[in-house]
Amino acid sequence: MIKAEYGPTLPQLLAVRSLAVRVGAVVLAGAVVLAAIVGVVLSRPDETALLVREPVTFNFAYGPQFTRLHAPGTLVSLRNERNGLFLDAYRIRELKLPPYRGAVGGLLPVYATHYLRTLGARYPGFQFVGEGRARINNAIGYEVTFNSRIGSRRLYVRHYLLVPDDPDGVREGVILELESTPAAGTPNAAEIGSHGALKMALRSFRFGTDRSGGTA
């Protein structure tokens, strides 16, 4: 029972209206509800947020193109395929720097020189492209870029040696490995991570548990 002071109700108002007006009001109300539901669905990002706490804490988000794999020696391993054809890969490995003094920015180029020498055994047809300092949100480090091959196909690769942007002396970080192919729409090694499935995974990477402030 509705108290008089709260009336009249919607049914009471519609009762004195024509059938067409009543049907129109019901349709309009349904449309408003449907629009609200669709808005919620469309505003929800189609992504998976991943938090890793050990041995170093970091988080990032990736899209539905990727399948997560369990690969030995990796903290995270993602693979993107289309009808069985390899397109992209995104892997994260642990990085442990040797003891050092001073700024980590001075150590990383030296460390990268040694690191580059190990890549020829892992990547057939290794061809060096470039290197330089890198920053991804609250991660700082050094990147090395090169070409390789996967069977008869061209493979573009970039590895980021990353540590948290903390006081000097930090030794624990990650190696972020990006691989892509022309079939994924990547034109050359310099464009890795600037578009496609790798873009979100790269630009949303952050050390720690806070997801805010990413550039994805």
C-alpha atoms as a PDB file:
ATOM      1  CA  MET A   1       0.000   0.000   0.000  1.00  0.00           C
ATOM      2  CA  ILE A   2       1.371   3.421  -1.062  1.00  0.00           C
ATOM      3  CA  LYS A   3       0.619   6.266   1.325  1.00  0.00           C
ATOM      4  CA  ALA A   4      -1.389   9.090  -0.160  1.00  0.00           C
ATOM      5  CA  GLU A   5       1.291  11.657   0.409  1.00  0.00           C
ATOM      6  CA  TYR A   6       3.691   9.643  -1.839  1.00  0.00           C
ATOM      7  CA  GLY A   7       1.240   9.244  -4.720  1.00  0.00           C
ATOM      8  CA  PRO A   8       0.291   9.171  -7.430  1.00  0.00           C
ATOM      9  CA  THR A   9       2.321   6.189  -8.662  1.00  0.00           C
ATOM     10  CA  LEU A  10       3.498   5.650 -12.252  1.00  0.00           C
ATOM     11  CA  PRO A  11       0.737   3.077 -12.978  1.00  0.00           C
ATOM     12  CA  GLN A  12      -1.862   5.516 -11.631  1.00  0.00           C
ATOM     13  CA  LEU A  13      -0.548   8.277 -13.858  1.00  0.00           C
ATOM     14  CA  LEU A  14      -0.510   5.999 -16.917  1.00  0.00           C
ATOM     15  CA  ALA A  15      -4.020   4.724 -16.219  1.00  0.00           C
ATOM     16  CA  VAL A  16      -5.497   8.009 -17.381  1.00  0.00           C
ATOM     17  CA  ARG A  17      -3.363   8.110 -20.483  1.00  0.00           C
ATOM     18  CA  SER A  18      -4.052   6.487 -23.804  1.00  0.00           C
ATOM     19  CA  LEU A  19      -2.716   3.007 -24.621  1.00  0.00           C
ATOM     20  CA  ALA A  20      -0.155   4.475 -27.023  1.00  0.00           C
ATOM     21  CA  VAL A  21       1.224   6.800 -24.356  1.00  0.00           C
ATOM     22  CA  ARG A  22       1.469   3.954 -21.838  1.00  0.00           C
ATOM     23  CA  VAL A  23       3.306   1.663 -24.303  1.00  0.00           C
ATOM     24  CA  GLY A  24       5.651   4.479 -25.237  1.00  0.00           C
ATOM     25  CA  ALA A  25       6.494   5.153 -21.601  1.00  0.00           C
ATOM     26  CA  VAL A  26       7.283   1.485 -20.964  1.00  0.00           C
ATOM     27  CA  VAL A  27       9.491   1.276 -24.079  1.00  0.00           C
ATOM     28  CA  LEU A  28      11.319   4.452 -23.090  1.00  0.00           C
ATOM     29  CA  ALA A  29      11.942   3.174 -19.579  1.00  0.00           C
ATOM     30  CA  GLY A  30      13.286  -0.092 -20.979  1.00  0.00           C
ATOM     31  CA  ALA A  31      15.552   1.761 -23.384  1.00  0.00           C
ATOM     32  CA  VAL A  32      17.002   3.841 -20.543  1.00  0.00           C
ATOM     33  CA  VAL A  33      17.762   0.715 -18.516  1.00  0.00           C
ATOM     34  CA  LEU A  34      19.303  -1.038 -21.550  1.00  0.00           C
ATOM     35  CA  ALA A  35      21.443   1.995 -22.341  1.00  0.00           C
ATOM     36  CA  ALA A  36      22.743   2.023 -18.782  1.00  0.00           C
ATOM     37  CA  ILE A  37      23.642  -1.694 -18.971  1.00  0.00           C
ATOM     38  CA  VAL A  38      25.417  -1.306 -22.316  1.00  0.00           C
ATOM     39  CA  GLY A  39      27.335   1.685 -21.018  1.00  0.00           C
ATOM     40  CA  VAL A  40      28.693  -0.357 -18.126  1.00  0.00           C
ATOM     41  CA  VAL A  41      29.699  -3.214 -20.430  1.00  0.00           C
ATOM     42  CA  LEU A  42      31.391  -0.969 -22.979  1.00  0.00           C
ATOM     43  CA  SER A  43      33.278   0.994 -20.339  1.00  0.00           C
ATOM     44  CA  ARG A  44      34.806  -2.184 -18.855  1.00  0.00           C
ATOM     45  CA  PRO A  45      38.304  -2.641 -20.348  1.00  0.00           C
ATOM     46  CA  ASP A  46      38.912  -5.909 -22.156  1.00  0.00           C
ATOM     47  CA  GLU A  47      42.118  -6.713 -20.322  1.00  0.00           C
ATOM     48  CA  THR A  48      43.716  -8.934 -17.715  1.00  0.00           C
ATOM     49  CA  ALA A  49      45.578  -7.264 -14.848  1.00  0.00           C
ATOM     50  CA  LEU A  50      48.448  -9.332 -13.501  1.00  0.00           C
ATOM     51  CA  LEU A  51      50.308  -8.809 -10.207  1.00  0.00           C
ATOM     52  CA  VAL A  52      53.523 -10.710  -9.429  1.00  0.00           C
ATOM     53  CA  ARG A  53      54.964 -10.374  -5.920  1.00  0.00           C
ATOM     54  CA  GLU A  54      58.060 -12.601  -5.930  1.00  0.00           C
ATOM     55  CA  PRO A  55      60.998 -12.374  -6.391  1.00  0.00           C
ATOM     56  CA  VAL A  56      60.283  -8.731  -7.299  1.00  0.00           C
ATOM     57  CA  THR A  57      56.875  -7.053  -7.206  1.00  0.00           C
ATOM     58  CA  PHE A  58      55.426  -5.688 -10.444  1.00  0.00           C
ATOM     59  CA  ASN A  59      52.144  -5.456 -12.304  1.00  0.00           C
ATOM     60  CA  PHE A  60      50.840  -4.831 -15.807  1.00  0.00           C
ATOM     61  CA  ALA A  61      47.787  -5.453 -17.987  1.00  0.00           C
ATOM     62  CA  TYR A  62      47.428  -7.327 -21.250  1.00  0.00           C
ATOM     63  CA  GLY A  63      44.736  -7.825 -23.845  1.00  0.00           C
ATOM     64  CA  PRO A  64      42.801 -10.909 -24.974  1.00  0.00           C
ATOM     65  CA  GLN A  65      45.168 -11.558 -27.886  1.00  0.00           C
ATOM     66  CA  PHE A  66      47.656 -13.138 -25.501  1.00  0.00           C
ATOM     67  CA  THR A  67      47.676 -16.630 -24.015  1.00  0.00           C
ATOM     68  CA  ARG A  68      49.635 -17.107 -20.816  1.00  0.00           C
ATOM     69  CA  LEU A  69      52.107 -19.984 -20.865  1.00  0.00           C
ATOM     70  CA  HIS A  70      54.261 -21.693 -18.250  1.00  0.00           C
ATOM     71  CA  ALA A  71      57.812 -21.381 -19.558  1.00  0.00           C
ATOM     72  CA  PRO A  72      60.864 -22.403 -17.483  1.00  0.00           C
ATOM     73  CA  GLY A  73      63.058 -19.514 -16.423  1.00  0.00           C
ATOM     74  CA  THR A  74      60.340 -16.881 -16.792  1.00  0.00           C
ATOM     75  CA  LEU A  75      58.169 -15.041 -14.286  1.00  0.00           C
ATOM     76  CA  VAL A  76      55.567 -14.359 -16.987  1.00  0.00           C
ATOM     77  CA  SER A  77      55.290 -15.699 -20.516  1.00  0.00           C
ATOM     78  CA  LEU A  78      52.627 -14.524 -22.996  1.00  0.00           C
ATOM     79  CA  ARG A  79      52.176 -15.578 -26.604  1.00  0.00           C
ATOM     80  CA  ASN A  80      50.000 -14.145 -29.368  1.00  0.00           C
ATOM     81  CA  GLU A  81      49.078 -16.367 -32.320  1.00  0.00           C
ATOM     82  CA  ARG A  82      46.603 -16.191 -35.187  1.00  0.00           C
ATOM     83  CA  ASN A  83      45.438 -19.513 -36.606  1.00  0.00           C
ATOM     84  CA  GLY A  84      48.610 -21.135 -35.313  1.00  0.00           C
ATOM     85  CA  LEU A  85      50.896 -18.437 -36.752  1.00  0.00           C
ATOM     86  CA  PHE A  86      53.205 -16.811 -34.209  1.00  0.00           C
ATOM     87  CA  LEU A  87      52.762 -13.023 -33.987  1.00  0.00           C
ATOM     88  CA  ASP A  88      54.134 -11.657 -30.691  1.00  0.00           C
ATOM     89  CA  ALA A  89      55.656 -12.736 -27.399  1.00  0.00           C
ATOM     90  CA  TYR A  90      55.991 -10.924 -24.084  1.00  0.00           C
ATOM     91  CA  ARG A  91      58.176 -12.470 -21.395  1.00  0.00           C
ATOM     92  CA  ILE A  92      59.503 -11.299 -18.054  1.00  0.00           C
ATOM     93  CA  ARG A  93      62.561 -12.801 -16.389  1.00  0.00           C
ATOM     94  CA  GLU A  94      64.326 -11.995 -13.145  1.00  0.00           C
ATOM     95  CA  LEU A  95      67.287  -9.602 -13.287  1.00  0.00           C
ATOM     96  CA  LYS A  96      70.032  -9.680 -10.651  1.00  0.00           C
ATOM     97  CA  LEU A  97      72.765  -7.096 -11.003  1.00  0.00           C
ATOM     98  CA  PRO A  98      76.223  -7.573  -9.487  1.00  0.00           C
ATOM     99  CA  PRO A  99      77.317  -5.415  -6.543  1.00  0.00           C
ATOM    100  CA  TYR A 100      78.271  -1.902  -7.643  1.00  0.00           C
ATOM    101  CA  ARG A 101      78.842   1.619  -6.420  1.00  0.00           C
ATOM    102  CA  GLY A 102      77.297   4.787  -7.722  1.00  0.00           C
ATOM    103  CA  ALA A 103      74.298   5.179 -10.000  1.00  0.00           C
ATOM    104  CA  VAL A 104      72.678   2.175 -11.595  1.00  0.00           C
ATOM    105  CA  GLY A 105      72.599   4.183 -14.826  1.00  0.00           C
ATOM    106  CA  GLY A 106      76.367   3.840 -14.997  1.00  0.00           C
ATOM    107  CA  LEU A 107      76.320   0.087 -14.468  1.00  0.00           C
ATOM    108  CA  LEU A 108      73.597  -0.904 -16.923  1.00  0.00           C
ATOM    109  CA  PRO A 109      75.424  -0.008 -20.191  1.00  0.00           C
ATOM    110  CA  VAL A 110      78.380  -2.083 -19.031  1.00  0.00           C
ATOM    111  CA  TYR A 111      76.116  -4.941 -17.995  1.00  0.00           C
ATOM    112  CA  ALA A 112      74.265  -4.732 -21.332  1.00  0.00           C
ATOM    113  CA  THR A 113      77.534  -5.196 -23.255  1.00  0.00           C
ATOM    114  CA  HIS A 114      78.022  -8.577 -21.600  1.00  0.00           C
ATOM    115  CA  TYR A 115      74.326  -9.394 -21.938  1.00  0.00           C
ATOM    116  CA  LEU A 116      74.396  -8.784 -25.694  1.00  0.00           C
ATOM    117  CA  ARG A 117      77.107 -11.418 -26.088  1.00  0.00           C
ATOM    118  CA  THR A 118      74.745 -14.066 -24.704  1.00  0.00           C
ATOM    119  CA  LEU A 119      71.926 -13.380 -27.164  1.00  0.00           C
ATOM    120  CA  GLY A 120      73.555 -14.855 -30.252  1.00  0.00           C
ATOM    121  CA  ALA A 121      73.162 -18.352 -28.812  1.00  0.00           C
ATOM    122  CA  ARG A 122      69.462 -17.798 -28.173  1.00  0.00           C
ATOM    123  CA  TYR A 123      68.485 -16.014 -31.386  1.00  0.00           C
ATOM    124  CA  PRO A 124      69.366 -17.396 -34.853  1.00  0.00           C
ATOM    125  CA  GLY A 125      70.622 -14.768 -37.289  1.00  0.00           C
ATOM    126  CA  PHE A 126      71.199 -12.219 -34.511  1.00  0.00           C
ATOM    127  CA  GLN A 127      71.681  -8.700 -35.932  1.00  0.00           C
ATOM    128  CA  PHE A 128      72.255  -5.802 -33.560  1.00  0.00           C
ATOM    129  CA  VAL A 129      70.052  -2.732 -34.191  1.00  0.00           C
ATOM    130  CA  GLY A 130      70.554  -0.366 -31.259  1.00  0.00           C
ATOM    131  CA  GLU A 131      70.707   0.265 -27.527  1.00  0.00           C
ATOM    132  CA  GLY A 132      70.061   3.066 -25.060  1.00  0.00           C
ATOM    133  CA  ARG A 133      68.573   4.182 -21.771  1.00  0.00           C
ATOM    134  CA  ALA A 134      64.934   3.367 -21.099  1.00  0.00           C
ATOM    135  CA  ARG A 135      62.117   4.411 -18.792  1.00  0.00           C
ATOM    136  CA  ILE A 136      58.687   2.785 -18.420  1.00  0.00           C
ATOM    137  CA  ASN A 137      56.584   4.519 -15.761  1.00  0.00           C
ATOM    138  CA  ASN A 138      58.446   3.949 -12.459  1.00  0.00           C
ATOM    139  CA  ALA A 139      60.991   1.601 -14.050  1.00  0.00           C
ATOM    140  CA  ILE A 140      64.359   2.780 -15.334  1.00  0.00           C
ATOM    141  CA  GLY A 141      66.919   0.807 -17.238  1.00  0.00           C
ATOM    142  CA  TYR A 142      68.544   0.006 -20.541  1.00  0.00           C
ATOM    143  CA  GLU A 143      67.238  -1.486 -23.763  1.00  0.00           C
ATOM    144  CA  VAL A 144      68.832  -3.514 -26.541  1.00  0.00           C
ATOM    145  CA  THR A 145      67.147  -3.988 -29.906  1.00  0.00           C
ATOM    146  CA  PHE A 146      67.989  -6.520 -32.602  1.00  0.00           C
ATOM    147  CA  ASN A 147      66.715  -8.627 -35.471  1.00  0.00           C
ATOM    148  CA  SER A 148      66.539 -12.400 -35.555  1.00  0.00           C
ATOM    149  CA  ARG A 149      64.686 -15.148 -37.372  1.00  0.00           C
ATOM    150  CA  ILE A 150      61.995 -17.653 -36.512  1.00  0.00           C
ATOM    151  CA  GLY A 151      62.349 -20.303 -39.197  1.00  0.00           C
ATOM    152  CA  SER A 152      62.333 -18.403 -42.492  1.00  0.00           C
ATOM    153  CA  ARG A 153      60.490 -15.422 -40.996  1.00  0.00           C
ATOM    154  CA  ARG A 154      61.879 -12.146 -39.692  1.00  0.00           C
ATOM    155  CA  LEU A 155      61.732 -11.644 -35.928  1.00  0.00           C
ATOM    156  CA  TYR A 156      62.051  -8.242 -34.244  1.00  0.00           C
ATOM    157  CA  VAL A 157      63.243  -8.228 -30.638  1.00  0.00           C
ATOM    158  CA  ARG A 158      63.784  -5.732 -27.837  1.00  0.00           C
ATOM    159  CA  HIS A 159      64.933  -6.524 -24.299  1.00  0.00           C
ATOM    160  CA  TYR A 160      64.555  -4.071 -21.427  1.00  0.00           C
ATOM    161  CA  LEU A 161      66.835  -4.410 -18.387  1.00  0.00           C
ATOM    162  CA  LEU A 162      64.715  -2.678 -15.743  1.00  0.00           C
ATOM    163  CA  VAL A 163      65.003  -1.783 -12.058  1.00  0.00           C
ATOM    164  CA  PRO A 164      62.748   0.332  -9.839  1.00  0.00           C
ATOM    165  CA  ASP A 165      63.410   4.056  -9.872  1.00  0.00           C
ATOM    166  CA  ASP A 166      64.643   3.930  -6.279  1.00  0.00           C
ATOM    167  CA  PRO A 167      67.810   5.114  -4.525  1.00  0.00           C
ATOM    168  CA  ASP A 168      71.095   3.929  -5.992  1.00  0.00           C
ATOM    169  CA  GLY A 169      72.245   0.458  -5.089  1.00  0.00           C
ATOM    170  CA  VAL A 170      69.133  -1.471  -6.195  1.00  0.00           C
ATOM    171  CA  ARG A 171      70.159  -4.820  -7.676  1.00  0.00           C
ATOM    172  CA  GLU A 172      66.900  -6.689  -8.278  1.00  0.00           C
ATOM    173  CA  GLY A 173      64.747  -6.031 -11.305  1.00  0.00           C
ATOM    174  CA  VAL A 174      63.377  -7.710 -14.419  1.00  0.00           C
ATOM    175  CA  ILE A 175      64.293  -8.391 -18.012  1.00  0.00           C
ATOM    176  CA  LEU A 176      61.326  -7.539 -20.194  1.00  0.00           C
ATOM    177  CA  GLU A 177      61.502  -9.390 -23.527  1.00  0.00           C
ATOM    178  CA  LEU A 178      59.378  -8.283 -26.482  1.00  0.00           C
ATOM    179  CA  GLU A 179      59.272 -10.212 -29.757  1.00  0.00           C
ATOM    180  CA  SER A 180      57.195  -9.383 -32.811  1.00  0.00           C
ATOM    181  CA  THR A 181      56.871 -10.187 -36.510  1.00  0.00           C
ATOM    182  CA  PRO A 182      55.758  -8.446 -39.708  1.00  0.00           C
ATOM    183  CA  ALA A 183      52.597 -10.591 -39.570  1.00  0.00           C
ATOM    184  CA  ALA A 184      51.655  -8.734 -36.369  1.00  0.00           C
ATOM    185  CA  GLY A 185      51.902  -5.413 -38.210  1.00  0.00           C
ATOM    186  CA  THR A 186      55.302  -4.475 -36.782  1.00  0.00           C
ATOM    187  CA  PRO A 187      57.337  -2.881 -39.611  1.00  0.00           C
ATOM    188  CA  ASN A 188      60.755  -3.055 -37.945  1.00  0.00           C
ATOM    189  CA  ALA A 189      62.518  -3.610 -34.626  1.00  0.00           C
ATOM    190  CA  ALA A 190      62.370   0.072 -33.692  1.00  0.00           C
ATOM    191  CA  GLU A 191      58.547  -0.056 -33.644  1.00  0.00           C
ATOM    192  CA  ILE A 192      58.192  -2.915 -31.159  1.00  0.00           C
ATOM    193  CA  GLY A 193      55.666  -2.060 -28.459  1.00  0.00           C
ATOM    194  CA  SER A 194      54.327   1.056 -30.146  1.00  0.00           C
ATOM    195  CA  HIS A 195      51.135  -0.602 -31.411  1.00  0.00           C
ATOM    196  CA  GLY A 196      49.258  -3.881 -31.483  1.00  0.00           C
ATOM    197  CA  ALA A 197      49.011  -6.425 -28.685  1.00  0.00           C
ATOM    198  CA  LEU A 198      52.363  -5.496 -27.145  1.00  0.00           C
ATOM    199  CA  LYS A 199      51.480  -1.838 -26.586  1.00  0.00           C
ATOM    200  CA  MET A 200      49.251  -2.272 -23.539  1.00  0.00           C
ATOM    201  CA  ALA A 201      51.477  -4.893 -21.920  1.00  0.00           C
ATOM    202  CA  LEU A 202      54.566  -2.708 -22.299  1.00  0.00           C
ATOM    203  CA  ARG A 203      53.159   0.687 -21.380  1.00  0.00           C
ATOM    204  CA  SER A 204      51.196  -0.516 -18.350  1.00  0.00           C
ATOM    205  CA  PHE A 205      54.217  -2.155 -16.695  1.00  0.00           C
ATOM    206  CA  ARG A 206      55.020  -0.838 -13.219  1.00  0.00           C
ATOM    207  CA  PHE A 207      57.065  -2.017 -10.276  1.00  0.00           C
ATOM    208  CA  GLY A 208      55.015  -2.425  -7.081  1.00  0.00           C
ATOM    209  CA  THR A 209      51.306  -3.025  -6.607  1.00  0.00           C
ATOM    210  CA  ASP A 210      49.971   0.380  -7.702  1.00  0.00           C
ATOM    211  CA  ARG A 211      48.424   0.345 -11.174  1.00  0.00           C
ATOM    212  CA  SER A 212      47.819   4.082 -11.388  1.00  0.00           C
ATOM    213  CA  GLY A 213      49.935   6.264 -13.632  1.00  0.00           C
ATOM    214  CA  GLY A 214      50.537   3.802 -16.457  1.00  0.00           C
ATOM    215  CA  THR A 215      50.797   5.161 -19.998  1.00  0.00           C
ATOM    216  CA  ALA A 216      48.673   2.465 -21.680  1.00  0.00           C
END
